[in-house]
């Protein structure tokens, strides 16, 4: 029996039990064991461990769902867990968006306690919710927009083909094609104002989606040819690079006896890698390209001499 088959059987059983409890049924362990042809110990594990995050309780030799609790929009355990994770992201942010998002989640998931905590630092964009809505409409309908963009105190009028709203390192950007030069550019969302949706439509090149998936930061250059970088990662931090690869293109090129690694991945701009290496100093060193490593070393020399201040 394959692991996937076992998982499917467990998931089907849990969804069925949870759905029946959600519908107001009172379920006994013996009846459930007979129904699913499993041991009573398995059913006890289902109720005491696998469904522990749900407000179910044991009374009168039967299991029930707590009164007042309803899975209104989703009876899927997987969906509920996803909602809990999203709620964790929202809890780490503040502002009008957080309030609205939590209210929306409460309609989908009526649960008092969320056992999952996540930390994601994102800037508050409450004041830009209207702009988000306009951009969302324009992007979905492939309509051009007119807007003003302020950069270094100067405001200019733009006509753009909006492609994506993206978040890099907690900051929100609009990725759009400037119709004057037909080049993809990144615009800091809070600097955009006076958005008006045009009646003109445009075609969208889906190849951008792949480039975005491989981008490490807002510094990515969609017009540049990707090139390989290779890093040495010390044994002290190697586990983090194994747990969460830097990029989808990351490959482990070598594993040394002391546990250190050599990894490689593709980038399109040097600033996709320089901040990363500096963040992990002294546990990460750039093996290649050598010219970028030399630039990092020059920056460190400036820092030590306090000439950069």
Protein backbone atom coordinates (compact mmCIF):
# COMPACT_ATOMS: atom_id res chain seq x y z
CA UNK A 1 0.00 0.00 0.00
CA UNK A 2 1.48 3.34 -1.06
CA UNK A 3 1.93 6.32 1.25
CA UNK A 4 -0.25 8.46 -1.02
CA UNK A 5 -3.05 5.90 -0.85
CA UNK A 6 -2.82 5.85 2.95
CA UNK A 7 -2.89 9.63 3.04
CA UNK A 8 -5.93 9.78 0.77
CA UNK A 9 -7.78 7.30 2.99
CA UNK A 10 -6.96 9.25 6.15
CA UNK A 11 -7.93 12.57 4.57
CA UNK A 12 -11.23 11.17 3.27
CA UNK A 13 -12.03 9.75 6.72
CA UNK A 14 -11.17 13.01 8.50
CA UNK A 15 -13.17 15.15 6.08
CA UNK A 16 -16.18 12.82 6.46
CA UNK A 17 -16.00 12.87 10.27
CA UNK A 18 -15.56 16.63 10.41
CA UNK A 19 -18.39 17.22 7.95
CA UNK A 20 -20.77 15.03 9.93
CA UNK A 21 -19.86 16.75 13.20
CA UNK A 22 -20.33 20.08 11.43
CA UNK A 23 -23.83 18.96 10.43
CA UNK A 24 -24.74 18.39 14.07
CA UNK A 25 -24.28 14.63 14.35
CA UNK A 26 -23.06 12.93 17.53
CA UNK A 27 -20.56 10.19 16.65
CA UNK A 28 -19.32 7.21 18.65
CA UNK A 29 -15.83 5.80 18.31
CA UNK A 30 -17.08 2.23 17.86
CA UNK A 31 -19.54 3.17 15.10
CA UNK A 32 -16.88 5.16 13.23
CA UNK A 33 -14.36 2.32 13.54
CA UNK A 34 -16.87 -0.14 12.07
CA UNK A 35 -17.88 2.24 9.31
CA UNK A 36 -14.33 2.92 8.11
CA UNK A 37 -13.04 -0.58 8.91
CA UNK A 38 -10.27 0.68 11.18
CA UNK A 39 -9.42 0.16 14.84
CA UNK A 40 -10.97 2.18 17.64
CA UNK A 41 -7.43 3.38 18.45
CA UNK A 42 -7.21 4.91 14.94
CA UNK A 43 -10.48 6.79 15.43
CA UNK A 44 -9.33 7.98 18.87
CA UNK A 45 -6.17 9.34 17.24
CA UNK A 46 -8.27 11.07 14.59
CA UNK A 47 -10.37 12.84 17.20
CA UNK A 48 -7.72 13.50 19.84
CA UNK A 49 -4.81 14.45 17.57
CA UNK A 50 -5.65 15.05 13.93
CA UNK A 51 -8.78 17.11 14.58
CA UNK A 52 -7.54 18.69 17.79
CA UNK A 53 -7.61 22.26 16.40
CA UNK A 54 -11.38 22.07 15.91
CA UNK A 55 -13.81 22.69 18.80
CA UNK A 56 -15.07 19.14 19.17
CA UNK A 57 -15.70 17.53 22.54
CA UNK A 58 -16.53 14.13 24.07
CA UNK A 59 -19.73 13.77 26.09
CA UNK A 60 -22.05 10.86 26.77
CA UNK A 61 -19.73 8.45 24.94
CA UNK A 62 -20.08 10.44 21.74
CA UNK A 63 -18.18 13.22 19.98
CA UNK A 64 -19.92 16.46 19.06
CA UNK A 65 -19.12 19.83 17.53
CA UNK A 66 -19.25 22.77 19.92
CA UNK A 67 -22.52 24.71 19.60
CA UNK A 68 -22.21 27.91 17.59
CA UNK A 69 -19.29 26.67 15.50
CA UNK A 70 -19.84 26.24 11.77
CA UNK A 71 -17.56 25.68 8.81
CA UNK A 72 -19.69 27.95 6.68
CA UNK A 73 -17.76 28.02 3.42
CA UNK A 74 -15.45 25.04 3.53
CA UNK A 75 -15.69 21.54 4.98
CA UNK A 76 -12.21 20.67 3.72
CA UNK A 77 -9.53 20.23 6.38
CA UNK A 78 -6.89 21.34 3.90
CA UNK A 79 -8.84 24.53 3.14
CA UNK A 80 -9.27 25.30 6.82
CA UNK A 81 -5.54 24.88 7.47
CA UNK A 82 -4.79 27.24 4.59
CA UNK A 83 -7.16 29.78 6.12
CA UNK A 84 -5.35 29.44 9.45
CA UNK A 85 -2.01 30.12 7.75
CA UNK A 86 -3.43 33.19 6.00
CA UNK A 87 -4.77 34.40 9.31
CA UNK A 88 -1.28 34.06 10.75
CA UNK A 89 0.10 36.31 8.01
CA UNK A 90 -2.59 38.88 8.67
CA UNK A 91 -1.96 38.87 12.42
CA UNK A 92 1.63 40.02 11.77
CA UNK A 93 0.37 43.17 10.05
CA UNK A 94 -1.73 46.10 11.17
CA UNK A 95 -4.00 48.70 9.66
CA UNK A 96 -7.24 48.81 7.73
CA UNK A 97 -6.28 45.90 5.47
CA UNK A 98 -5.65 43.65 8.44
CA UNK A 99 -9.04 44.50 9.93
CA UNK A 100 -10.89 43.89 6.65
CA UNK A 101 -9.00 40.68 5.97
CA UNK A 102 -9.70 39.29 9.44
CA UNK A 103 -13.39 40.12 9.07
CA UNK A 104 -13.45 38.30 5.75
CA UNK A 105 -11.68 35.27 7.18
CA UNK A 106 -14.09 35.15 10.09
CA UNK A 107 -16.92 34.66 7.58
CA UNK A 108 -15.05 31.74 6.03
CA UNK A 109 -13.69 30.27 9.24
CA UNK A 110 -15.53 30.61 12.55
CA UNK A 111 -12.73 29.55 14.88
CA UNK A 112 -11.71 31.28 18.08
CA UNK A 113 -8.20 29.85 18.39
CA UNK A 114 -5.67 29.59 15.57
CA UNK A 115 -2.82 27.21 16.48
CA UNK A 116 -0.65 28.43 13.59
CA UNK A 117 1.51 31.56 13.91
CA UNK A 118 3.40 33.12 11.02
CA UNK A 119 5.49 36.27 10.83
CA UNK A 120 5.50 38.27 7.62
CA UNK A 121 6.58 41.90 7.66
CA UNK A 122 4.61 43.82 5.06
CA UNK A 123 4.11 47.55 4.86
CA UNK A 124 0.60 48.79 5.61
CA UNK A 125 -1.22 49.67 2.38
CA UNK A 126 -4.58 50.54 3.91
CA UNK A 127 -4.55 53.98 2.29
CA UNK A 128 -4.04 52.36 -1.12
CA UNK A 129 -6.94 49.89 -1.07
CA UNK A 130 -8.85 51.87 -3.70
CA UNK A 131 -5.79 51.89 -5.94
CA UNK A 132 -5.40 48.14 -5.39
CA UNK A 133 -8.97 47.65 -6.52
CA UNK A 134 -8.52 49.76 -9.67
CA UNK A 135 -5.28 48.00 -10.56
CA UNK A 136 -6.86 44.61 -9.92
CA UNK A 137 -9.64 45.43 -12.39
CA UNK A 138 -7.22 46.78 -15.01
CA UNK A 139 -4.88 43.78 -14.72
CA UNK A 140 -7.66 41.21 -14.94
CA UNK A 141 -9.27 42.93 -17.93
CA UNK A 142 -5.93 43.76 -19.60
CA UNK A 143 -6.77 47.45 -19.75
CA UNK A 144 -4.21 50.24 -19.88
CA UNK A 145 -4.15 52.87 -17.15
CA UNK A 146 -3.24 56.53 -16.79
CA UNK A 147 -1.63 57.61 -13.53
CA UNK A 148 0.84 59.95 -11.87
CA UNK A 149 4.10 58.70 -10.41
CA UNK A 150 6.23 60.62 -7.92
CA UNK A 151 9.94 59.82 -7.74
CA UNK A 152 12.51 61.88 -5.85
CA UNK A 153 10.05 64.76 -5.54
CA UNK A 154 9.18 64.87 -9.24
CA UNK A 155 5.73 63.90 -10.49
CA UNK A 156 5.16 62.67 -14.02
CA UNK A 157 2.18 61.35 -15.95
CA UNK A 158 2.32 57.79 -17.25
CA UNK A 159 0.38 55.52 -19.52
CA UNK A 160 0.98 51.92 -18.48
CA UNK A 161 0.08 48.36 -19.27
CA UNK A 162 -0.35 46.94 -15.73
CA UNK A 163 0.76 43.31 -15.43
CA UNK A 164 1.17 42.35 -11.78
CA UNK A 165 1.00 43.68 -8.23
CA UNK A 166 4.03 42.21 -6.50
CA UNK A 167 5.43 42.18 -2.98
CA UNK A 168 9.18 42.01 -2.50
CA UNK A 169 10.67 42.01 0.98
CA UNK A 170 7.46 43.49 2.39
CA UNK A 171 7.10 46.35 -0.10
CA UNK A 172 4.39 46.62 -2.75
CA UNK A 173 5.13 47.31 -6.40
CA UNK A 174 3.26 47.55 -9.68
CA UNK A 175 4.96 45.74 -12.55
CA UNK A 176 3.90 47.43 -15.75
CA UNK A 177 5.02 48.18 -19.28
CA UNK A 178 5.70 51.86 -19.98
CA UNK A 179 3.97 52.55 -23.30
CA UNK A 180 6.55 55.22 -24.22
CA UNK A 181 9.41 52.73 -24.42
CA UNK A 182 7.53 49.40 -24.28
CA UNK A 183 9.76 48.21 -21.44
CA UNK A 184 8.80 46.49 -18.20
CA UNK A 185 9.34 48.72 -15.18
CA UNK A 186 8.71 48.47 -11.46
CA UNK A 187 6.78 51.22 -9.69
CA UNK A 188 6.61 51.59 -5.92
CA UNK A 189 2.88 51.41 -5.27
CA UNK A 190 2.68 54.17 -2.68
CA UNK A 191 4.16 56.62 -5.20
CA UNK A 192 1.35 55.99 -7.69
CA UNK A 193 -1.68 58.31 -7.64
CA UNK A 194 -4.68 59.44 -9.70
CA UNK A 195 -5.21 56.07 -11.38
CA UNK A 196 -7.68 56.05 -14.27
CA UNK A 197 -8.54 52.95 -16.27
CA UNK A 198 -8.37 53.39 -20.03
CA UNK A 199 -10.76 51.78 -22.51
CA UNK A 200 -7.72 50.52 -24.45
CA UNK A 201 -6.79 46.89 -24.00
CA UNK A 202 -3.45 45.11 -24.49
CA UNK A 203 -1.97 41.64 -24.95
CA UNK A 204 -0.06 39.95 -22.15
CA UNK A 205 3.12 37.91 -22.57
CA UNK A 206 2.82 34.94 -20.21
CA UNK A 207 6.59 34.40 -20.24
CA UNK A 208 6.79 37.12 -17.58
CA UNK A 209 5.21 34.75 -15.05
CA UNK A 210 8.21 32.40 -15.28
CA UNK A 211 10.64 35.30 -14.85
CA UNK A 212 8.76 36.50 -11.77
CA UNK A 213 8.83 33.02 -10.22
CA UNK A 214 12.63 32.94 -10.53
CA UNK A 215 13.21 36.53 -9.40
CA UNK A 216 14.98 36.86 -6.04
CA UNK A 217 14.10 40.52 -5.48
CA UNK A 218 12.70 43.64 -7.11
CA UNK A 219 16.13 44.07 -8.73
CA UNK A 220 15.43 41.37 -11.34
CA UNK A 221 16.03 42.44 -14.94
CA UNK A 222 13.57 40.78 -17.30
CA UNK A 223 15.55 41.86 -20.37
CA UNK A 224 18.89 40.44 -19.17
CA UNK A 225 20.18 36.98 -19.87
CA UNK A 226 20.14 34.94 -16.63
CA UNK A 227 23.57 33.97 -15.32
CA UNK A 228 24.72 31.51 -12.68
CA UNK A 229 26.02 32.41 -9.23
CA UNK A 230 27.73 29.93 -6.93
CA UNK A 231 27.86 30.21 -3.14
CA UNK A 232 29.83 28.51 -0.40
CA UNK A 233 27.59 27.98 2.64
CA UNK A 234 29.16 27.06 5.99
CA UNK A 235 27.96 24.07 7.98
CA UNK A 236 26.47 26.37 10.64
CA UNK A 237 23.79 27.71 8.29
CA UNK A 238 23.61 24.99 5.62
CA UNK A 239 20.37 23.61 7.04
CA UNK A 240 18.52 26.87 6.29
CA UNK A 241 19.47 26.73 2.62
CA UNK A 242 18.30 23.12 2.48
CA UNK A 243 14.99 23.90 4.18
CA UNK A 244 14.15 26.91 2.03
CA UNK A 245 15.96 27.18 -1.31
CA UNK A 246 16.82 30.72 -2.36
CA UNK A 247 15.40 30.17 -5.81
CA UNK A 248 13.54 27.53 -7.79
CA UNK A 249 16.71 27.20 -9.82
CA UNK A 250 18.85 26.41 -6.75
CA UNK A 251 21.03 23.31 -7.03
CA UNK A 252 23.31 21.71 -4.45
CA UNK A 253 26.60 21.36 -6.31
CA UNK A 254 28.66 19.86 -3.47
CA UNK A 255 28.31 18.64 0.13
CA UNK A 256 31.55 18.67 2.10
CA UNK A 257 32.50 16.36 4.97
CA UNK A 258 32.07 19.12 7.56
CA UNK A 259 28.48 19.72 6.38
CA UNK A 260 29.16 22.86 4.37
CA UNK A 261 27.60 23.27 0.94
CA UNK A 262 28.22 24.72 -2.46
CA UNK A 263 25.03 25.82 -4.17
CA UNK A 264 24.20 27.49 -7.46
CA UNK A 265 21.20 29.33 -8.91
CA UNK A 266 20.34 31.79 -11.66
CA UNK A 267 19.93 35.57 -11.36
CA UNK A 268 19.57 38.48 -13.78
CA UNK A 269 21.05 41.36 -11.75
CA UNK A 270 23.96 41.58 -9.30
CA UNK A 271 21.73 43.24 -6.68
CA UNK A 272 19.71 40.05 -6.44
CA UNK A 273 22.70 38.40 -4.76
CA UNK A 274 24.80 41.13 -3.10
CA UNK A 275 22.34 41.93 -0.24
CA UNK A 276 21.84 38.20 0.35
CA UNK A 277 25.56 37.52 0.77
CA UNK A 278 25.97 40.53 3.07
CA UNK A 279 23.06 39.33 5.20
CA UNK A 280 24.70 35.95 5.80
CA UNK A 281 28.27 37.16 6.40
CA UNK A 282 30.48 35.46 7.62
CA UNK A 283 28.74 32.16 6.88
CA UNK A 284 28.26 32.62 3.13
CA UNK A 285 30.79 33.53 0.46
CA UNK A 286 30.31 34.12 -3.24
CA UNK A 287 32.48 31.75 -5.27
CA UNK A 288 31.49 33.11 -8.66
CA UNK A 289 31.18 35.43 -10.52
CA UNK A 290 34.43 36.81 -9.10
CA UNK A 291 33.71 40.42 -10.12
CA UNK A 292 30.63 40.53 -7.85
CA UNK A 293 32.63 39.02 -4.98
CA UNK A 294 35.26 41.73 -5.48
CA UNK A 295 32.54 44.39 -5.28
CA UNK A 296 31.27 42.91 -1.99
CA UNK A 297 34.81 42.93 -0.58
CA UNK A 298 35.25 46.60 -1.57
CA UNK A 299 32.01 47.49 0.22
CA UNK A 300 33.22 45.70 3.34
CA UNK A 301 36.51 47.58 3.25
CA UNK A 302 34.60 50.86 3.03
CA UNK A 303 32.44 49.79 5.96
CA UNK A 304 35.43 48.94 8.12
CA UNK A 305 37.06 52.27 7.29
CA UNK A 306 33.75 54.07 8.01
CA UNK A 307 34.07 55.81 4.67
CA UNK A 308 30.58 54.83 3.68
CA UNK A 309 28.96 57.05 6.32
